[in-house]
Amino acid sequence: MKIDIKSLRARLINYSEPVQVTSIDFHKGTFTWDYQGQHETEESLDYVESWEVEEKG
């Protein structure tokens, strides 16, 4: 399955709205996200409650 990173959202444990995922490093288990101009890198995928894909259509 291929997913366009631009369509990937993560619902983080401490956020009510999903954030835009900008990169994922599966080897390190980290990801970077953006929410309204706030960029942050999480050191663990454990911060994600769920993943969402915005469907184009």
PDB file of N, CA and C in Angstrom:
ATOM      1  N   MET A   1       0.839  -1.177   0.000  1.00  0.00           N
ATOM      2  CA  MET A   1       0.000   0.000   0.000  1.00  0.00           C
ATOM      3  C   MET A   1       0.885   1.241   0.000  1.00  0.00           C
ATOM      4  N   LYS A   2       0.622   2.158  -0.895  1.00  0.00           N
ATOM      5  CA  LYS A   2       1.342   3.414  -0.952  1.00  0.00           C
ATOM      6  C   LYS A   2       0.448   4.520  -0.409  1.00  0.00           C
ATOM      7  N   ILE A   3       1.041   5.371   0.428  1.00  0.00           N
ATOM      8  CA  ILE A   3       0.324   6.507   0.993  1.00  0.00           C
ATOM      9  C   ILE A   3       1.133   7.758   0.707  1.00  0.00           C
ATOM     10  N   ASP A   4       0.503   8.746   0.142  1.00  0.00           N
ATOM     11  CA  ASP A   4       1.148  10.033  -0.088  1.00  0.00           C
ATOM     12  C   ASP A   4       1.327  10.712   1.266  1.00  0.00           C
ATOM     13  N   ILE A   5       2.572  11.047   1.636  1.00  0.00           N
ATOM     14  CA  ILE A   5       2.852  11.636   2.946  1.00  0.00           C
ATOM     15  C   ILE A   5       2.062  12.925   3.161  1.00  0.00           C
ATOM     16  N   LYS A   6       1.725  13.628   2.075  1.00  0.00           N
ATOM     17  CA  LYS A   6       0.954  14.867   2.192  1.00  0.00           C
ATOM     18  C   LYS A   6      -0.475  14.620   2.661  1.00  0.00           C
ATOM     19  N   SER A   7      -0.945  13.382   2.549  1.00  0.00           N
ATOM     20  CA  SER A   7      -2.307  13.072   2.962  1.00  0.00           C
ATOM     21  C   SER A   7      -2.366  12.386   4.329  1.00  0.00           C
ATOM     22  N   LEU A   8      -1.200  12.178   4.954  1.00  0.00           N
ATOM     23  CA  LEU A   8      -1.145  11.445   6.217  1.00  0.00           C
ATOM     24  C   LEU A   8      -1.298  12.389   7.405  1.00  0.00           C
ATOM     25  N   ARG A   9      -2.197  12.042   8.291  1.00  0.00           N
ATOM     26  CA  ARG A   9      -2.439  12.782   9.533  1.00  0.00           C
ATOM     27  C   ARG A   9      -2.246  11.831  10.705  1.00  0.00           C
ATOM     28  N   ALA A  10      -1.844  12.402  11.827  1.00  0.00           N
ATOM     29  CA  ALA A  10      -1.714  11.623  13.059  1.00  0.00           C
ATOM     30  C   ALA A  10      -2.549  12.300  14.137  1.00  0.00           C
ATOM     31  N   ARG A  11      -3.318  11.515  14.834  1.00  0.00           N
ATOM     32  CA  ARG A  11      -4.052  12.041  15.983  1.00  0.00           C
ATOM     33  C   ARG A  11      -3.192  11.726  17.206  1.00  0.00           C
ATOM     34  N   LEU A  12      -2.598  12.784  17.769  1.00  0.00           N
ATOM     35  CA  LEU A  12      -1.687  12.616  18.888  1.00  0.00           C
ATOM     36  C   LEU A  12      -2.448  12.523  20.207  1.00  0.00           C
ATOM     37  N   ILE A  13      -1.838  11.897  21.172  1.00  0.00           N
ATOM     38  CA  ILE A  13      -2.481  11.665  22.467  1.00  0.00           C
ATOM     39  C   ILE A  13      -2.929  12.968  23.120  1.00  0.00           C
ATOM     40  N   ASN A  14      -2.138  14.036  23.051  1.00  0.00           N
ATOM     41  CA  ASN A  14      -2.458  15.282  23.752  1.00  0.00           C
ATOM     42  C   ASN A  14      -3.072  16.359  22.869  1.00  0.00           C
ATOM     43  N   TYR A  15      -3.498  16.017  21.662  1.00  0.00           N
ATOM     44  CA  TYR A  15      -4.099  16.989  20.747  1.00  0.00           C
ATOM     45  C   TYR A  15      -5.487  16.511  20.345  1.00  0.00           C
ATOM     46  N   SER A  16      -6.425  17.452  20.267  1.00  0.00           N
ATOM     47  CA  SER A  16      -7.782  17.067  19.870  1.00  0.00           C
ATOM     48  C   SER A  16      -7.933  16.984  18.355  1.00  0.00           C
ATOM     49  N   GLU A  17      -7.113  17.755  17.623  1.00  0.00           N
ATOM     50  CA  GLU A  17      -7.162  17.755  16.163  1.00  0.00           C
ATOM     51  C   GLU A  17      -5.998  16.951  15.606  1.00  0.00           C
ATOM     52  N   PRO A  18      -6.197  16.280  14.474  1.00  0.00           N
ATOM     53  CA  PRO A  18      -5.072  15.580  13.844  1.00  0.00           C
ATOM     54  C   PRO A  18      -4.040  16.565  13.319  1.00  0.00           C
ATOM     55  N   VAL A  19      -2.779  16.159  13.318  1.00  0.00           N
ATOM     56  CA  VAL A  19      -1.685  16.995  12.826  1.00  0.00           C
ATOM     57  C   VAL A  19      -1.199  16.436  11.496  1.00  0.00           C
ATOM     58  N   GLN A  20      -0.619  17.295  10.670  1.00  0.00           N
ATOM     59  CA  GLN A  20      -0.069  16.898   9.375  1.00  0.00           C
ATOM     60  C   GLN A  20       1.288  16.242   9.590  1.00  0.00           C
ATOM     61  N   VAL A  21       1.450  15.023   9.148  1.00  0.00           N
ATOM     62  CA  VAL A  21       2.736  14.343   9.229  1.00  0.00           C
ATOM     63  C   VAL A  21       3.588  14.810   8.060  1.00  0.00           C
ATOM     64  N   THR A  22       4.821  15.259   8.352  1.00  0.00           N
ATOM     65  CA  THR A  22       5.694  15.740   7.282  1.00  0.00           C
ATOM     66  C   THR A  22       6.805  14.748   6.966  1.00  0.00           C
ATOM     67  N   SER A  23       7.155  13.880   7.917  1.00  0.00           N
ATOM     68  CA  SER A  23       8.139  12.830   7.646  1.00  0.00           C
ATOM     69  C   SER A  23       8.064  11.763   8.734  1.00  0.00           C
ATOM     70  N   ILE A  24       8.456  10.555   8.356  1.00  0.00           N
ATOM     71  CA  ILE A  24       8.520   9.430   9.289  1.00  0.00           C
ATOM     72  C   ILE A  24       9.840   8.710   9.063  1.00  0.00           C
ATOM     73  N   ASP A  25      10.517   8.368  10.145  1.00  0.00           N
ATOM     74  CA  ASP A  25      11.731   7.549  10.070  1.00  0.00           C
ATOM     75  C   ASP A  25      11.422   6.259  10.831  1.00  0.00           C
ATOM     76  N   PHE A  26      11.059   5.222  10.092  1.00  0.00           N
ATOM     77  CA  PHE A  26      10.674   3.968  10.731  1.00  0.00           C
ATOM     78  C   PHE A  26      11.853   3.277  11.405  1.00  0.00           C
ATOM     79  N   HIS A  27      13.058   3.516  10.906  1.00  0.00           N
ATOM     80  CA  HIS A  27      14.239   2.899  11.515  1.00  0.00           C
ATOM     81  C   HIS A  27      14.500   3.474  12.901  1.00  0.00           C
ATOM     82  N   LYS A  28      14.337   4.783  13.042  1.00  0.00           N
ATOM     83  CA  LYS A  28      14.539   5.431  14.343  1.00  0.00           C
ATOM     84  C   LYS A  28      13.264   5.430  15.183  1.00  0.00           C
ATOM     85  N   GLY A  29      12.121   5.247  14.535  1.00  0.00           N
ATOM     86  CA  GLY A  29      10.839   5.290  15.244  1.00  0.00           C
ATOM     87  C   GLY A  29      10.416   6.710  15.582  1.00  0.00           C
ATOM     88  N   THR A  30      10.801   7.677  14.729  1.00  0.00           N
ATOM     89  CA  THR A  30      10.455   9.074  14.961  1.00  0.00           C
ATOM     90  C   THR A  30       9.608   9.602  13.809  1.00  0.00           C
ATOM     91  N   PHE A  31       8.943  10.720  14.067  1.00  0.00           N
ATOM     92  CA  PHE A  31       8.209  11.391  12.997  1.00  0.00           C
ATOM     93  C   PHE A  31       8.155  12.889  13.284  1.00  0.00           C
ATOM     94  N   THR A  32       7.997  13.643  12.207  1.00  0.00           N
ATOM     95  CA  THR A  32       7.896  15.091  12.310  1.00  0.00           C
ATOM     96  C   THR A  32       6.504  15.491  11.863  1.00  0.00           C
ATOM     97  N   TRP A  33       5.940  16.464  12.562  1.00  0.00           N
ATOM     98  CA  TRP A  33       4.593  16.906  12.226  1.00  0.00           C
ATOM     99  C   TRP A  33       4.502  18.423  12.243  1.00  0.00           C
ATOM    100  N   ASP A  34       3.419  18.914  11.642  1.00  0.00           N
ATOM    101  CA  ASP A  34       3.143  20.347  11.558  1.00  0.00           C
ATOM    102  C   ASP A  34       1.685  20.561  11.925  1.00  0.00           C
ATOM    103  N   TYR A  35       1.442  21.528  12.800  1.00  0.00           N
ATOM    104  CA  TYR A  35       0.068  21.910  13.121  1.00  0.00           C
ATOM    105  C   TYR A  35       0.023  23.421  13.215  1.00  0.00           C
ATOM    106  N   GLN A  36      -0.606  24.048  12.253  1.00  0.00           N
ATOM    107  CA  GLN A  36      -0.759  25.501  12.183  1.00  0.00           C
ATOM    108  C   GLN A  36       0.588  26.206  12.345  1.00  0.00           C
ATOM    109  N   GLY A  37       1.603  25.714  11.643  1.00  0.00           N
ATOM    110  CA  GLY A  37       2.915  26.333  11.673  1.00  0.00           C
ATOM    111  C   GLY A  37       3.825  25.884  12.798  1.00  0.00           C
ATOM    112  N   GLN A  38       3.315  25.060  13.685  1.00  0.00           N
ATOM    113  CA  GLN A  38       4.136  24.520  14.779  1.00  0.00           C
ATOM    114  C   GLN A  38       4.728  23.192  14.313  1.00  0.00           C
ATOM    115  N   HIS A  39       6.047  23.158  14.118  1.00  0.00           N
ATOM    116  CA  HIS A  39       6.740  21.957  13.670  1.00  0.00           C
ATOM    117  C   HIS A  39       7.403  21.296  14.872  1.00  0.00           C
ATOM    118  N   GLU A  40       7.303  19.986  14.941  1.00  0.00           N
ATOM    119  CA  GLU A  40       7.929  19.274  16.048  1.00  0.00           C
ATOM    120  C   GLU A  40       8.297  17.863  15.610  1.00  0.00           C
ATOM    121  N   THR A  41       9.363  17.335  16.171  1.00  0.00           N
ATOM    122  CA  THR A  41       9.756  15.948  15.934  1.00  0.00           C
ATOM    123  C   THR A  41       9.525  15.161  17.212  1.00  0.00           C
ATOM    124  N   GLU A  42       8.777  14.088  17.092  1.00  0.00           N
ATOM    125  CA  GLU A  42       8.521  13.205  18.235  1.00  0.00           C
ATOM    126  C   GLU A  42       9.522  12.062  18.188  1.00  0.00           C
ATOM    127  N   GLU A  43      10.074  11.722  19.312  1.00  0.00           N
ATOM    128  CA  GLU A  43      11.100  10.690  19.409  1.00  0.00           C
ATOM    129  C   GLU A  43      10.523   9.277  19.500  1.00  0.00           C
ATOM    130  N   SER A  44       9.213   9.168  19.424  1.00  0.00           N
ATOM    131  CA  SER A  44       8.586   7.852  19.505  1.00  0.00           C
ATOM    132  C   SER A  44       7.242   7.870  18.778  1.00  0.00           C
ATOM    133  N   LEU A  45       6.931   6.784  18.128  1.00  0.00           N
ATOM    134  CA  LEU A  45       5.617   6.646  17.492  1.00  0.00           C
ATOM    135  C   LEU A  45       4.523   6.393  18.523  1.00  0.00           C
ATOM    136  N   ASP A  46       4.900   6.182  19.775  1.00  0.00           N
ATOM    137  CA  ASP A  46       3.930   5.940  20.845  1.00  0.00           C
ATOM    138  C   ASP A  46       3.055   7.150  21.136  1.00  0.00           C
ATOM    139  N   TYR A  47       3.437   8.332  20.671  1.00  0.00           N
ATOM    140  CA  TYR A  47       2.639   9.543  20.875  1.00  0.00           C
ATOM    141  C   TYR A  47       1.399   9.578  19.978  1.00  0.00           C
ATOM    142  N   VAL A  48       1.328   8.663  19.009  1.00  0.00           N
ATOM    143  CA  VAL A  48       0.214   8.642  18.066  1.00  0.00           C
ATOM    144  C   VAL A  48      -0.903   7.751  18.595  1.00  0.00           C
ATOM    145  N   GLU A  49      -2.069   8.341  18.719  1.00  0.00           N
ATOM    146  CA  GLU A  49      -3.255   7.582  19.118  1.00  0.00           C
ATOM    147  C   GLU A  49      -3.825   6.826  17.920  1.00  0.00           C
ATOM    148  N   SER A  50      -3.836   7.512  16.745  1.00  0.00           N
ATOM    149  CA  SER A  50      -4.297   6.865  15.521  1.00  0.00           C
ATOM    150  C   SER A  50      -3.754   7.619  14.310  1.00  0.00           C
ATOM    151  N   TRP A  51      -3.706   6.921  13.178  1.00  0.00           N
ATOM    152  CA  TRP A  51      -3.256   7.489  11.898  1.00  0.00           C
ATOM    153  C   TRP A  51      -4.480   7.663  11.013  1.00  0.00           C
ATOM    154  N   GLU A  52      -4.485   8.732  10.224  1.00  0.00           N
ATOM    155  CA  GLU A  52      -5.592   8.988   9.290  1.00  0.00           C
ATOM    156  C   GLU A  52      -5.021   9.355   7.926  1.00  0.00           C
ATOM    157  N   VAL A  53      -5.700   8.948   6.878  1.00  0.00           N
ATOM    158  CA  VAL A  53      -5.299   9.309   5.522  1.00  0.00           C
ATOM    159  C   VAL A  53      -6.449  10.099   4.902  1.00  0.00           C
ATOM    160  N   GLU A  54      -6.114  11.288   4.419  1.00  0.00           N
ATOM    161  CA  GLU A  54      -7.091  12.123   3.741  1.00  0.00           C
ATOM    162  C   GLU A  54      -7.269  11.588   2.335  1.00  0.00           C
ATOM    163  N   GLU A  55      -8.446  11.128   2.040  1.00  0.00           N
ATOM    164  CA  GLU A  55      -8.686  10.549   0.728  1.00  0.00           C
ATOM    165  C   GLU A  55      -8.933  11.624  -0.305  1.00  0.00           C
ATOM    166  N   LYS A  56      -8.300  11.449  -1.452  1.00  0.00           N
ATOM    167  CA  LYS A  56      -8.487  12.384  -2.558  1.00  0.00           C
ATOM    168  C   LYS A  56      -9.560  11.820  -3.461  1.00  0.00           C
ATOM    169  N   GLY A  57     -10.373  12.691  -3.925  1.00  0.00           N
ATOM    170  CA  GLY A  57     -11.353  12.078  -4.725  1.00  0.00           C
ATOM    171  C   GLY A  57     -12.190  12.836  -5.577  1.00  0.00           C
TER     172      GLY A  57
END
